[in-house]
Amino acid sequence: MANAFFSDLLSTISERGRTLLRRGEPSVARQDASELLELCKALLSGRGEASGTAMARDVLDRYHDLDAAGRLTFFETLARDFGPDREKLSQAIESWRSQPNDSDASDLHFASEPQRQELIRRLNRAPGGTSDLVAMRADLLSLMKGNKDLAALDRDVVHLLSSWFNRGFLVLRRIDWSTPANILEQIIRYEAVHEIRDWNDLRRRIDPVDRRCYAFFHPQLNDEPLIFVEVALTETIPTAIAPLLAAERQLVPVERARTAVFYSISNTQKGLGGISFGSFLIKQVVEELRRELPKLDTFVTLSPVPGFMQWLKQAADVPVSDEERTLLENLDKPDWFEDAELAAQLRAVLEPLAAHYFLRARTSKGRLIDSVARFHIGNGARLEKIDWLGDLSPKGLRESAGIMVNYLYRLEDIEKNHEAYANQGEIAASSAVKKLLKTEGRRLLDMRLS
């Protein structure tokens, strides 16, 4: 009720402001980037609340009418011409140099802020402004490819969005069959890990007693989930995705469930890319599940390995012999896993390579190659198990030769694992995974001696 009241109030203020603005401007529609930028300057210089709110809404509406070239011009001009006020910044620098004190430091801080940050704040005052700015960031990300000049603008946008979408503003909601249809449609549309084929498939994932789905929402995007996680309640840690998603499967009575499996995490807002909610989501869902089902004692993922095959085919430092490389060519056959003998030969090579991929292989910047691994390891999870032929879907075979992994979230170890990874780059892994790496080491030694 409170949100609706303030939203209506903002809309009223905005509409009255629009009435004031219309009295002083020609009726010709303005869809040109240069005129839009002039309107941005007027928004920055204005002080009236009603006219400012209306002007902000007008800027966002006119931005929406720009084509791709106009939007690029708009972003380039914001990056180039809406930086800090150089004269004020120079004065603040001189004051700080002549007699440094806390007051001068504060002046220097505010003088160094780009004008585009204040512009974005004022745009956010418009009714629906937050949602429009998130969509605008999505456009910016698309146009940034190959255009480094927009990086400073993106940093400023991310700085503000990170504040507006911090954990304190997010609301956790359970998604079930009683959730409004418009939200359920978004769950179907944005599922990024395991496609939801239809409404019946969705119901199988959120309605049974052994299934859960949770999402984070923001007050300004009330009917738009930001990120959601699908959970299966099981008796033991699963090693394959197909049994969890099967249409005809045996339900697990909740009193027998001991394991919560996070098998899919999906973001819905491209414009919030790089602003992490996932770690907060998993940790809060764990707390929710523990309150509801105290007998749950294991919290684990069943995760894809999206970068494995690309690394295997393209990296220069993959530790394989020529003979093994020839064997790996069989992965291009669509049904290679149906040949038991061939699958066994490939397993002997691929499992140690997967251990190497997680524990030894790195990007040129020294980061873990796999994005999913970076997420879970960075959140303090432990690499628990490498699951052979865990995902036989076309996508799973294409991206990871069917391999999946379990990341274990042991609450008492999360902080320690996170700190070890963040400070020393250490990967928390089970003895079973480390043993695979030792097998690889012995195999490489045999190759050198032969």
Protein backbone atom coordinates (compact mmCIF):
# COMPACT_ATOMS: atom_id res chain seq x y z
CA MET A 1 0.00 0.00 0.00
CA ALA A 2 2.78 2.44 0.92
CA ASN A 3 4.64 1.78 -2.34
CA ALA A 4 1.46 2.33 -4.35
CA PHE A 5 0.74 5.60 -2.51
CA PHE A 6 4.19 7.05 -3.16
CA SER A 7 4.14 5.84 -6.76
CA ASP A 8 0.82 7.62 -7.34
CA LEU A 9 2.17 10.72 -5.61
CA LEU A 10 5.26 10.75 -7.84
CA SER A 11 3.13 10.34 -10.93
CA THR A 12 0.94 13.28 -9.88
CA ILE A 13 4.01 15.47 -9.28
CA SER A 14 5.46 14.39 -12.60
CA GLU A 15 2.26 15.11 -14.53
CA ARG A 16 1.92 18.56 -13.00
CA GLY A 17 5.52 19.22 -13.88
CA ARG A 18 4.89 18.11 -17.45
CA THR A 19 2.04 20.62 -17.64
CA LEU A 20 4.43 23.38 -16.56
CA LEU A 21 7.04 22.28 -19.10
CA ARG A 22 4.57 22.09 -21.99
CA ARG A 23 3.64 25.76 -21.54
CA GLY A 24 7.17 26.80 -22.39
CA GLU A 25 8.22 24.44 -25.18
CA PRO A 26 7.19 23.83 -28.78
CA SER A 27 5.05 20.76 -29.47
CA VAL A 28 7.50 19.24 -31.97
CA ALA A 29 8.65 15.77 -30.85
CA ARG A 30 12.35 15.67 -29.98
CA GLN A 31 14.01 12.38 -30.78
CA ASP A 32 17.44 13.70 -31.71
CA ALA A 33 20.37 12.81 -29.40
CA SER A 34 21.74 16.37 -29.38
CA GLU A 35 18.44 17.86 -28.25
CA LEU A 36 18.09 15.11 -25.66
CA LEU A 37 21.50 16.05 -24.27
CA GLU A 38 20.41 19.69 -24.02
CA LEU A 39 17.43 18.49 -22.00
CA CYS A 40 19.85 16.60 -19.72
CA LYS A 41 21.78 19.82 -19.12
CA ALA A 42 18.54 21.60 -18.25
CA LEU A 43 17.67 18.79 -15.84
CA LEU A 44 21.04 19.21 -14.10
CA SER A 45 20.65 22.97 -13.76
CA GLY A 46 17.02 22.94 -12.54
CA ARG A 47 15.93 23.01 -8.91
CA GLY A 48 12.14 22.56 -9.02
CA GLU A 49 10.89 19.19 -7.77
CA ALA A 50 7.81 18.95 -9.99
CA SER A 51 9.48 20.23 -13.16
CA GLY A 52 12.59 18.14 -12.43
CA THR A 53 10.60 14.95 -12.01
CA ALA A 54 8.69 15.66 -15.22
CA MET A 55 11.86 16.54 -17.10
CA ALA A 56 13.50 13.31 -15.93
CA ARG A 57 10.53 11.33 -17.24
CA ASP A 58 10.76 13.25 -20.52
CA VAL A 59 14.48 12.44 -20.87
CA LEU A 60 13.82 8.73 -20.33
CA ASP A 61 10.91 8.71 -22.79
CA ARG A 62 12.94 10.47 -25.47
CA TYR A 63 15.91 8.19 -24.90
CA HIS A 64 13.59 5.25 -25.56
CA ASP A 65 12.78 6.71 -28.99
CA LEU A 66 16.44 6.93 -30.07
CA ASP A 67 17.81 4.37 -32.51
CA ALA A 68 21.07 2.50 -31.83
CA ALA A 69 23.21 5.23 -33.41
CA GLY A 70 21.45 7.91 -31.36
CA ARG A 71 21.94 5.95 -28.15
CA LEU A 72 25.63 5.51 -28.88
CA THR A 73 25.98 9.26 -29.45
CA PHE A 74 24.10 9.89 -26.21
CA PHE A 75 26.39 7.59 -24.20
CA GLU A 76 29.58 8.90 -25.84
CA THR A 77 28.61 12.48 -24.99
CA LEU A 78 27.81 11.57 -21.38
CA ALA A 79 31.23 9.92 -21.11
CA ARG A 80 33.08 12.82 -22.74
CA ASP A 81 31.23 15.98 -21.67
CA PHE A 82 29.50 15.14 -18.39
CA GLY A 83 32.56 14.50 -16.26
CA PRO A 84 33.67 16.50 -13.21
CA ASP A 85 33.53 20.30 -13.25
CA ARG A 86 37.24 20.86 -14.01
CA GLU A 87 37.41 24.35 -12.57
CA LYS A 88 35.90 23.28 -9.23
CA LEU A 89 38.12 20.20 -9.20
CA SER A 90 41.26 22.28 -9.81
CA GLN A 91 40.33 24.65 -6.99
CA ALA A 92 39.68 21.73 -4.64
CA ILE A 93 43.03 20.16 -5.54
CA GLU A 94 44.86 23.42 -4.85
CA SER A 95 43.11 23.86 -1.50
CA TRP A 96 44.05 20.33 -0.50
CA ARG A 97 47.67 20.79 -1.54
CA SER A 98 48.07 24.10 0.29
CA GLN A 99 46.60 22.94 3.61
CA PRO A 100 45.27 19.38 3.75
CA ASN A 101 42.39 18.86 6.20
CA ASP A 102 39.19 16.84 6.43
CA SER A 103 37.06 19.66 5.06
CA ASP A 104 39.25 20.07 1.96
CA ALA A 105 39.27 16.30 1.47
CA SER A 106 35.48 16.32 1.48
CA ASP A 107 35.41 19.20 -1.02
CA LEU A 108 37.84 17.29 -3.24
CA HIS A 109 35.65 14.20 -3.09
CA PHE A 110 32.50 16.03 -4.17
CA ALA A 111 34.29 18.11 -6.80
CA SER A 112 35.68 14.98 -8.43
CA GLU A 113 32.26 13.41 -8.91
CA PRO A 114 31.23 13.35 -12.59
CA GLN A 115 28.15 15.38 -13.46
CA ARG A 116 26.68 12.30 -15.11
CA GLN A 117 26.30 10.68 -11.68
CA GLU A 118 24.04 13.51 -10.54
CA LEU A 119 22.19 13.27 -13.86
CA ILE A 120 21.53 9.57 -13.26
CA ARG A 121 20.32 10.31 -9.72
CA ARG A 122 17.86 12.87 -11.07
CA LEU A 123 16.65 10.50 -13.77
CA ASN A 124 15.98 7.97 -11.04
CA ARG A 125 13.43 10.34 -9.50
CA ALA A 126 11.07 9.87 -12.43
CA PRO A 127 8.17 7.44 -12.01
CA GLY A 128 9.55 4.10 -13.24
CA GLY A 129 13.00 5.66 -13.47
CA THR A 130 14.85 2.81 -11.78
CA SER A 131 13.52 0.24 -14.22
CA ASP A 132 14.35 2.48 -17.18
CA LEU A 133 17.90 3.04 -15.95
CA VAL A 134 18.44 -0.72 -15.60
CA ALA A 135 17.25 -1.13 -19.20
CA MET A 136 19.53 1.74 -20.25
CA ARG A 137 22.50 -0.05 -18.66
CA ALA A 138 21.65 -3.13 -20.75
CA ASP A 139 21.90 -0.95 -23.88
CA LEU A 140 25.20 0.47 -22.64
CA LEU A 141 26.66 -3.00 -22.13
CA SER A 142 25.73 -3.94 -25.70
CA LEU A 143 27.33 -0.79 -27.12
CA MET A 144 30.47 -1.05 -24.98
CA LYS A 145 31.88 -3.95 -26.99
CA GLY A 146 34.91 -2.54 -28.75
CA ASN A 147 34.31 0.94 -27.33
CA LYS A 148 36.57 1.52 -24.33
CA ASP A 149 35.59 5.19 -24.13
CA LEU A 150 32.32 4.15 -22.47
CA ALA A 151 34.01 2.34 -19.59
CA ALA A 152 34.05 5.39 -17.30
CA LEU A 153 30.33 5.96 -17.87
CA ASP A 154 29.61 2.31 -17.07
CA ARG A 155 31.61 2.53 -13.83
CA ASP A 156 29.48 5.48 -12.74
CA VAL A 157 26.23 3.69 -13.58
CA VAL A 158 27.37 0.53 -11.75
CA HIS A 159 28.42 2.63 -8.73
CA LEU A 160 24.90 4.00 -8.38
CA LEU A 161 23.04 0.79 -9.21
CA SER A 162 25.15 -1.09 -6.66
CA SER A 163 23.93 1.34 -4.01
CA TRP A 164 20.30 1.18 -5.06
CA PHE A 165 20.33 -2.62 -5.33
CA ASN A 166 22.33 -3.49 -2.24
CA ARG A 167 21.20 -6.36 -0.05
CA GLY A 168 19.32 -4.07 2.34
CA PHE A 169 16.75 -3.21 -0.35
CA LEU A 170 16.19 -6.74 -1.66
CA VAL A 171 13.21 -8.85 -0.64
CA LEU A 172 13.26 -12.66 -0.76
CA ARG A 173 10.05 -14.32 -1.93
CA ARG A 174 9.17 -17.93 -2.51
CA ILE A 175 7.86 -18.67 -6.00
CA ASP A 176 5.10 -21.29 -6.12
CA TRP A 177 2.04 -22.13 -8.18
CA SER A 178 0.04 -19.35 -6.47
CA THR A 179 2.53 -16.67 -7.60
CA PRO A 180 1.00 -14.24 -10.16
CA ALA A 181 1.21 -15.47 -13.74
CA ASN A 182 3.25 -12.49 -14.98
CA ILE A 183 6.05 -13.44 -12.56
CA LEU A 184 5.83 -17.14 -13.44
CA GLU A 185 6.15 -16.21 -17.12
CA GLN A 186 9.44 -14.47 -16.32
CA ILE A 187 10.72 -17.59 -14.54
CA ILE A 188 10.08 -19.54 -17.74
CA ARG A 189 11.61 -16.86 -19.96
CA TYR A 190 14.78 -16.22 -17.96
CA GLU A 191 15.68 -19.77 -16.90
CA ALA A 192 19.24 -19.87 -18.21
CA VAL A 193 20.58 -23.26 -17.09
CA HIS A 194 17.92 -25.89 -17.79
CA GLU A 195 15.21 -24.78 -20.21
CA ILE A 196 11.63 -24.78 -18.91
CA ARG A 197 9.64 -26.15 -21.83
CA ASP A 198 6.09 -25.21 -20.83
CA TRP A 199 3.76 -24.51 -17.92
CA ASN A 200 3.60 -28.17 -16.94
CA ASP A 201 7.40 -28.28 -16.75
CA LEU A 202 7.38 -25.15 -14.59
CA ARG A 203 4.81 -26.65 -12.25
CA ARG A 204 6.95 -29.75 -11.77
CA ARG A 205 9.79 -27.49 -10.62
CA ILE A 206 7.94 -25.30 -8.12
CA ASP A 207 4.81 -27.12 -6.96
CA PRO A 208 5.76 -30.58 -5.57
CA VAL A 209 6.55 -30.99 -1.86
CA ASP A 210 10.23 -31.66 -2.64
CA ARG A 211 10.76 -28.58 -4.82
CA ARG A 212 11.36 -24.94 -3.97
CA CYS A 213 12.04 -21.76 -5.90
CA TYR A 214 13.07 -18.41 -4.42
CA ALA A 215 13.71 -15.01 -5.95
CA PHE A 216 15.02 -11.61 -4.94
CA PHE A 217 12.82 -8.60 -5.70
CA HIS A 218 13.42 -4.85 -5.42
CA PRO A 219 10.70 -2.39 -4.33
CA GLN A 220 11.13 -0.34 -7.53
CA LEU A 221 10.81 -3.42 -9.76
CA ASN A 222 8.07 -5.02 -7.75
CA ASP A 223 6.89 -7.60 -10.30
CA GLU A 224 10.29 -8.36 -11.81
CA PRO A 225 12.50 -10.95 -10.11
CA LEU A 226 16.17 -9.95 -10.19
CA ILE A 227 17.57 -13.44 -9.71
CA PHE A 228 16.01 -16.78 -8.81
CA VAL A 229 17.20 -20.18 -7.65
CA GLU A 230 15.55 -23.58 -8.10
CA VAL A 231 15.99 -26.13 -5.32
CA ALA A 232 15.41 -29.88 -5.15
CA LEU A 233 15.06 -31.64 -1.80
CA THR A 234 16.70 -35.07 -1.93
CA GLU A 235 17.95 -37.80 0.38
CA THR A 236 21.53 -37.79 -1.00
CA ILE A 237 23.75 -35.64 -3.20
CA PRO A 238 22.69 -36.14 -6.86
CA THR A 239 25.22 -36.68 -9.64
CA ALA A 240 23.01 -36.11 -12.71
CA ILE A 241 20.38 -33.56 -13.68
CA ALA A 242 17.99 -35.75 -15.70
CA PRO A 243 16.52 -37.63 -12.69
CA LEU A 244 15.82 -34.31 -10.95
CA LEU A 245 13.93 -32.93 -13.94
CA ALA A 246 12.16 -36.13 -15.03
CA ALA A 247 8.42 -35.79 -15.57
CA GLU A 248 7.81 -39.22 -14.02
CA ARG A 249 9.84 -39.34 -10.84
CA GLN A 250 9.28 -40.48 -7.28
CA LEU A 251 8.61 -37.57 -4.94
CA VAL A 252 10.78 -37.35 -1.84
CA PRO A 253 8.76 -36.93 1.38
CA VAL A 254 10.08 -33.82 3.13
CA GLU A 255 10.60 -35.73 6.37
CA ARG A 256 13.15 -37.92 4.56
CA ALA A 257 14.95 -35.09 2.80
CA ARG A 258 18.44 -34.40 4.11
CA THR A 259 19.94 -32.52 1.16
CA ALA A 260 18.98 -29.25 -0.55
CA VAL A 261 20.26 -29.10 -4.12
CA PHE A 262 20.63 -25.72 -5.86
CA TYR A 263 20.45 -26.88 -9.46
CA SER A 264 19.74 -23.63 -11.31
CA ILE A 265 20.48 -19.96 -10.63
CA SER A 266 19.38 -17.42 -13.23
CA ASN A 267 19.66 -13.64 -13.50
CA THR A 268 16.83 -11.80 -15.19
CA GLN A 269 18.17 -8.26 -15.59
CA LYS A 270 20.97 -7.82 -18.12
CA GLY A 271 21.34 -4.22 -16.97
CA LEU A 272 22.40 -5.41 -13.51
CA GLY A 273 25.26 -7.50 -14.86
CA GLY A 274 28.31 -7.35 -12.58
CA ILE A 275 26.19 -6.52 -9.53
CA SER A 276 26.17 -9.75 -7.56
CA PHE A 277 23.08 -10.97 -5.73
CA GLY A 278 23.72 -14.69 -5.97
CA SER A 279 25.82 -15.13 -2.85
CA PHE A 280 23.22 -13.33 -0.72
CA LEU A 281 20.45 -15.36 -2.36
CA ILE A 282 22.01 -18.75 -1.62
CA LYS A 283 22.88 -17.88 1.95
CA GLN A 284 19.42 -16.53 2.71
CA VAL A 285 17.71 -19.50 1.05
CA VAL A 286 19.84 -21.83 3.19
CA GLU A 287 18.58 -20.01 6.29
CA GLU A 288 14.97 -20.18 5.08
CA LEU A 289 15.24 -23.92 4.40
CA ARG A 290 16.90 -24.62 7.76
CA ARG A 291 14.05 -22.85 9.55
CA GLU A 292 11.42 -24.74 7.58
CA LEU A 293 13.16 -28.13 7.52
CA PRO A 294 15.59 -28.49 10.46
CA LYS A 295 16.62 -32.01 9.38
CA LEU A 296 18.37 -30.70 6.26
CA ASP A 297 22.10 -31.01 6.85
CA THR A 298 23.65 -30.82 3.37
CA PHE A 299 23.48 -27.83 1.01
CA VAL A 300 25.00 -28.47 -2.37
CA THR A 301 24.74 -27.44 -6.01
CA LEU A 302 24.48 -29.52 -9.15
CA SER A 303 26.24 -27.15 -11.50
CA PRO A 304 27.16 -26.96 -15.19
CA VAL A 305 30.73 -26.44 -16.39
CA PRO A 306 30.12 -24.05 -19.31
CA GLY A 307 33.75 -23.26 -20.18
CA PHE A 308 35.27 -26.75 -20.10
CA MET A 309 34.99 -27.80 -23.76
CA GLN A 310 36.11 -24.40 -25.03
CA TRP A 311 39.22 -24.62 -22.83
CA LEU A 312 39.83 -28.20 -23.93
CA LYS A 313 39.72 -27.28 -27.62
CA GLN A 314 41.40 -23.88 -27.61
CA ALA A 315 43.82 -23.55 -24.68
CA ALA A 316 47.51 -24.01 -25.44
CA ASP A 317 48.36 -25.51 -22.06
CA VAL A 318 45.93 -28.47 -21.89
CA PRO A 319 48.01 -31.35 -20.45
CA VAL A 320 47.27 -34.11 -22.98
CA SER A 321 49.41 -36.35 -25.15
CA ASP A 322 48.96 -36.61 -28.92
CA GLU A 323 47.30 -39.98 -28.42
CA GLU A 324 44.84 -38.53 -25.92
CA ARG A 325 44.14 -35.57 -28.20
CA THR A 326 43.19 -38.02 -30.93
CA LEU A 327 40.91 -39.85 -28.50
CA LEU A 328 39.21 -36.57 -27.54
CA GLU A 329 38.19 -36.03 -31.16
CA ASN A 330 35.49 -38.63 -30.51
CA LEU A 331 33.65 -36.01 -28.47
CA ASP A 332 32.45 -34.51 -31.75
CA LYS A 333 30.36 -37.63 -32.36
CA PRO A 334 26.78 -36.95 -31.16
CA ASP A 335 26.28 -40.34 -29.43
CA TRP A 336 29.78 -41.09 -28.18
CA PHE A 337 28.54 -41.66 -24.62
CA GLU A 338 26.41 -44.62 -25.77
CA ASP A 339 29.55 -46.62 -26.59
CA ALA A 340 30.47 -48.00 -23.15
CA GLU A 341 34.08 -48.83 -24.03
CA LEU A 342 34.73 -45.45 -25.67
CA ALA A 343 33.03 -43.63 -22.77
CA ALA A 344 35.27 -45.44 -20.27
CA GLN A 345 38.39 -44.45 -22.23
CA LEU A 346 37.26 -40.83 -22.40
CA ARG A 347 36.41 -40.79 -18.71
CA ALA A 348 39.95 -41.82 -17.80
CA VAL A 349 41.22 -38.75 -19.67
CA LEU A 350 38.48 -36.20 -19.02
CA GLU A 351 38.01 -36.49 -15.27
CA PRO A 352 41.67 -35.67 -14.48
CA LEU A 353 41.50 -32.86 -17.05
CA ALA A 354 38.41 -31.49 -15.31
CA ALA A 355 40.29 -31.52 -11.99
CA HIS A 356 43.17 -29.67 -13.68
CA TYR A 357 40.71 -27.21 -15.21
CA PHE A 358 39.40 -26.24 -11.77
CA LEU A 359 42.51 -26.52 -9.63
CA ARG A 360 45.34 -25.49 -11.96
CA ALA A 361 44.17 -23.79 -15.18
CA ARG A 362 43.79 -20.00 -15.08
CA THR A 363 43.03 -17.09 -17.39
CA SER A 364 45.77 -14.66 -18.45
CA LYS A 365 44.72 -12.53 -15.45
CA GLY A 366 45.14 -15.45 -13.04
CA ARG A 367 41.41 -16.08 -12.54
CA LEU A 368 39.48 -19.32 -12.60
CA ILE A 369 38.37 -19.93 -16.17
CA ASP A 370 34.89 -21.19 -15.40
CA SER A 371 32.33 -18.49 -14.55
CA VAL A 372 30.19 -20.81 -12.44
CA ALA A 373 33.26 -21.96 -10.51
CA ARG A 374 34.28 -18.33 -9.88
CA PHE A 375 30.84 -17.65 -8.47
CA HIS A 376 30.58 -20.60 -6.09
CA ILE A 377 34.24 -20.79 -5.03
CA GLY A 378 34.22 -17.04 -4.51
CA ASN A 379 31.17 -17.45 -2.27
CA GLY A 380 33.00 -19.93 -0.05
CA ALA A 381 31.75 -23.24 -1.43
CA ARG A 382 33.94 -26.33 -1.76
CA LEU A 383 34.40 -28.22 -5.02
CA GLU A 384 33.00 -31.51 -3.79
CA LYS A 385 32.64 -33.86 -6.75
CA ILE A 386 33.08 -34.10 -10.50
CA ASP A 387 30.03 -35.86 -11.95
CA TRP A 388 30.73 -37.94 -15.06
CA LEU A 389 27.91 -37.74 -17.64
CA GLY A 390 25.84 -35.59 -15.31
CA ASP A 391 24.18 -33.70 -18.18
CA LEU A 392 23.53 -35.53 -21.46
CA SER A 393 21.48 -32.72 -22.99
CA PRO A 394 22.83 -31.27 -26.27
CA LYS A 395 23.90 -28.14 -24.36
CA GLY A 396 25.62 -30.16 -21.63
CA LEU A 397 27.51 -32.29 -24.15
CA ARG A 398 28.49 -29.23 -26.19
CA GLU A 399 29.75 -27.16 -23.26
CA SER A 400 31.26 -29.74 -20.90
CA ALA A 401 31.23 -33.22 -22.48
CA GLY A 402 28.36 -33.95 -20.11
CA ILE A 403 30.37 -33.22 -16.95
CA MET A 404 28.69 -31.51 -14.00
CA VAL A 405 30.03 -30.72 -10.53
CA ASN A 406 28.77 -30.44 -6.97
CA TYR A 407 29.78 -27.40 -4.92
CA LEU A 408 29.22 -27.95 -1.19
CA TYR A 409 28.11 -25.08 1.04
CA ARG A 410 29.18 -26.04 4.56
CA LEU A 411 28.15 -23.06 6.66
CA GLU A 412 30.99 -23.34 9.16
CA ASP A 413 33.56 -23.30 6.34
CA ILE A 414 32.15 -20.65 4.01
CA GLU A 415 34.05 -17.69 5.46
CA LYS A 416 37.34 -19.59 5.68
CA ASN A 417 37.05 -20.87 2.09
CA HIS A 418 36.13 -17.42 0.80
CA GLU A 419 39.10 -15.77 2.51
CA ALA A 420 41.52 -18.44 1.26
CA TYR A 421 40.34 -17.92 -2.30
CA ALA A 422 40.19 -14.12 -2.13
CA ASN A 423 43.59 -13.68 -0.48
CA GLN A 424 45.70 -16.62 -1.66
CA GLY A 425 43.77 -17.91 -4.67
CA GLU A 426 43.32 -21.28 -2.95
CA ILE A 427 40.50 -23.51 -4.19
CA ALA A 428 38.67 -25.48 -1.50
CA ALA A 429 38.28 -29.00 -2.91
CA SER A 430 37.43 -32.43 -1.56
CA SER A 431 40.00 -35.23 -1.36
CA ALA A 432 38.15 -37.03 -4.18
CA VAL A 433 38.76 -34.14 -6.57
CA LYS A 434 42.36 -33.69 -5.44
CA LYS A 435 42.95 -37.41 -5.99
CA LEU A 436 41.92 -36.99 -9.62
CA LEU A 437 44.55 -34.29 -9.97
CA LYS A 438 47.19 -36.64 -8.52
CA THR A 439 46.14 -39.21 -11.10
CA GLU A 440 46.75 -36.59 -13.76
CA GLY A 441 50.19 -35.90 -12.30
CA ARG A 442 51.13 -39.56 -12.47
CA ARG A 443 49.87 -39.75 -16.04
CA LEU A 444 51.98 -36.76 -17.09
CA LEU A 445 55.05 -38.30 -15.42
CA ASP A 446 54.49 -41.51 -17.37
CA MET A 447 54.24 -39.46 -20.58
CA ARG A 448 57.60 -37.79 -19.88
CA LEU A 449 59.31 -41.11 -19.13
CA SER A 450 57.97 -42.89 -22.21
